[in-house]
Amino acid sequence: MLTMAVFALGAAASLLVAGYLVGRLTRQYKSAARNAARIGRAIFGGVLVVVAFFAITGLDRMIEAMLVQIMPEWLVLFATQV
């Protein structure tokens, strides 16, 4: 129980520090952050549309089957047993 509490405090502290630093940097470079966010949203939207298209058409399963044939046997076993 104590180990988990110490772990949680350490994780929370590091996330708080990271959040504070990122917030400070974004305030300092607001226009660059705004442009990066706009570009990131556009890229994410495009990737989401492509993935949705693959899932709807079944192309994702064909790509998966092709990749499984190319993969080494140990990697297929590792990926399916985990």
C-alpha atoms as a PDB file:
ATOM      1  CA  MET A   1       0.000   0.000   0.000  1.00  0.00           C
ATOM      2  CA  LEU A   2       2.810   2.390   0.880  1.00  0.00           C
ATOM      3  CA  THR A   3       4.621   1.554  -2.353  1.00  0.00           C
ATOM      4  CA  MET A   4       1.558   2.441  -4.415  1.00  0.00           C
ATOM      5  CA  ALA A   5       1.084   5.709  -2.515  1.00  0.00           C
ATOM      6  CA  VAL A   6       4.711   6.713  -3.105  1.00  0.00           C
ATOM      7  CA  PHE A   7       4.409   5.771  -6.773  1.00  0.00           C
ATOM      8  CA  ALA A   8       1.203   7.807  -7.124  1.00  0.00           C
ATOM      9  CA  LEU A   9       2.792  10.840  -5.475  1.00  0.00           C
ATOM     10  CA  GLY A  10       5.844  10.614  -7.713  1.00  0.00           C
ATOM     11  CA  ALA A  11       3.753  10.221 -10.843  1.00  0.00           C
ATOM     12  CA  ALA A  12       1.446  13.093  -9.857  1.00  0.00           C
ATOM     13  CA  ALA A  13       4.374  15.372  -9.030  1.00  0.00           C
ATOM     14  CA  SER A  14       6.093  14.737 -12.359  1.00  0.00           C
ATOM     15  CA  LEU A  15       2.845  15.327 -14.259  1.00  0.00           C
ATOM     16  CA  LEU A  16       2.225  18.558 -12.378  1.00  0.00           C
ATOM     17  CA  VAL A  17       5.719  19.819 -13.162  1.00  0.00           C
ATOM     18  CA  ALA A  18       5.388  18.835 -16.820  1.00  0.00           C
ATOM     19  CA  GLY A  19       1.984  20.521 -17.037  1.00  0.00           C
ATOM     20  CA  TYR A  20       3.293  23.686 -15.432  1.00  0.00           C
ATOM     21  CA  LEU A  21       6.275  23.848 -17.798  1.00  0.00           C
ATOM     22  CA  VAL A  22       4.184  23.154 -20.889  1.00  0.00           C
ATOM     23  CA  GLY A  23       1.674  25.800 -19.817  1.00  0.00           C
ATOM     24  CA  ARG A  24       4.470  28.298 -19.287  1.00  0.00           C
ATOM     25  CA  LEU A  25       5.958  27.535 -22.696  1.00  0.00           C
ATOM     26  CA  THR A  26       2.602  27.801 -24.467  1.00  0.00           C
ATOM     27  CA  ARG A  27       1.931  31.157 -22.880  1.00  0.00           C
ATOM     28  CA  GLN A  28       5.362  32.299 -23.961  1.00  0.00           C
ATOM     29  CA  TYR A  29       4.986  31.010 -27.524  1.00  0.00           C
ATOM     30  CA  LYS A  30       1.232  31.392 -27.955  1.00  0.00           C
ATOM     31  CA  SER A  31       1.135  31.970 -31.718  1.00  0.00           C
ATOM     32  CA  ALA A  32       3.471  29.071 -32.449  1.00  0.00           C
ATOM     33  CA  ALA A  33       1.407  26.815 -30.198  1.00  0.00           C
ATOM     34  CA  ARG A  34      -1.794  27.930 -31.941  1.00  0.00           C
ATOM     35  CA  ASN A  35      -0.315  27.124 -35.358  1.00  0.00           C
ATOM     36  CA  ALA A  36       0.996  23.773 -34.147  1.00  0.00           C
ATOM     37  CA  ALA A  37      -2.420  22.906 -32.729  1.00  0.00           C
ATOM     38  CA  ARG A  38      -4.125  23.828 -35.998  1.00  0.00           C
ATOM     39  CA  ILE A  39      -1.711  21.702 -38.007  1.00  0.00           C
ATOM     40  CA  GLY A  40      -1.978  18.848 -35.490  1.00  0.00           C
ATOM     41  CA  ARG A  41      -5.781  18.864 -35.673  1.00  0.00           C
ATOM     42  CA  ALA A  42      -5.663  18.760 -39.472  1.00  0.00           C
ATOM     43  CA  ILE A  43      -3.211  15.845 -39.469  1.00  0.00           C
ATOM     44  CA  PHE A  44      -5.222  13.968 -36.840  1.00  0.00           C
ATOM     45  CA  GLY A  45      -8.437  14.535 -38.798  1.00  0.00           C
ATOM     46  CA  GLY A  46      -6.841  13.226 -41.984  1.00  0.00           C
ATOM     47  CA  VAL A  47      -5.486  10.142 -40.240  1.00  0.00           C
ATOM     48  CA  LEU A  48      -8.894   9.529 -38.657  1.00  0.00           C
ATOM     49  CA  VAL A  49     -10.625   9.712 -42.056  1.00  0.00           C
ATOM     50  CA  VAL A  50      -8.098   7.283 -43.584  1.00  0.00           C
ATOM     51  CA  VAL A  51      -8.440   4.813 -40.694  1.00  0.00           C
ATOM     52  CA  ALA A  52     -12.247   5.014 -40.862  1.00  0.00           C
ATOM     53  CA  PHE A  53     -12.142   4.387 -44.614  1.00  0.00           C
ATOM     54  CA  PHE A  54      -9.900   1.367 -44.105  1.00  0.00           C
ATOM     55  CA  ALA A  55     -12.185  -0.013 -41.384  1.00  0.00           C
ATOM     56  CA  ILE A  56     -15.372   0.484 -43.427  1.00  0.00           C
ATOM     57  CA  THR A  57     -13.977  -1.077 -46.604  1.00  0.00           C
ATOM     58  CA  GLY A  58     -12.162  -3.920 -44.824  1.00  0.00           C
ATOM     59  CA  LEU A  59      -8.824  -2.763 -46.167  1.00  0.00           C
ATOM     60  CA  ASP A  60      -7.405  -2.781 -42.646  1.00  0.00           C
ATOM     61  CA  ARG A  61      -7.818  -6.542 -42.399  1.00  0.00           C
ATOM     62  CA  MET A  62      -6.130  -7.072 -45.741  1.00  0.00           C
ATOM     63  CA  ILE A  63      -3.191  -4.912 -44.650  1.00  0.00           C
ATOM     64  CA  GLU A  64      -3.041  -6.750 -41.327  1.00  0.00           C
ATOM     65  CA  ALA A  65      -2.983 -10.126 -43.078  1.00  0.00           C
ATOM     66  CA  MET A  66      -0.199  -8.950 -45.374  1.00  0.00           C
ATOM     67  CA  LEU A  67       1.843  -7.658 -42.447  1.00  0.00           C
ATOM     68  CA  VAL A  68       1.356 -10.875 -40.467  1.00  0.00           C
ATOM     69  CA  GLN A  69       2.743 -12.858 -43.409  1.00  0.00           C
ATOM     70  CA  ILE A  70       5.816 -10.615 -43.538  1.00  0.00           C
ATOM     71  CA  MET A  71       6.462 -10.653 -39.756  1.00  0.00           C
ATOM     72  CA  PRO A  72       8.895 -13.111 -38.211  1.00  0.00           C
ATOM     73  CA  GLU A  73       7.223 -16.016 -36.405  1.00  0.00           C
ATOM     74  CA  TRP A  74       8.462 -14.980 -32.953  1.00  0.00           C
ATOM     75  CA  LEU A  75       6.842 -11.553 -33.353  1.00  0.00           C
ATOM     76  CA  VAL A  76       3.503 -13.045 -34.374  1.00  0.00           C
ATOM     77  CA  LEU A  77       3.588 -15.374 -31.376  1.00  0.00           C
ATOM     78  CA  PHE A  78       4.527 -12.530 -29.053  1.00  0.00           C
ATOM     79  CA  ALA A  79       1.773 -10.262 -30.390  1.00  0.00           C
ATOM     80  CA  THR A  80      -0.927 -12.917 -30.158  1.00  0.00           C
ATOM     81  CA  GLN A  81       0.013 -14.250 -26.717  1.00  0.00           C
ATOM     82  CA  VAL A  82       0.170 -10.912 -24.895  1.00  0.00           C
END
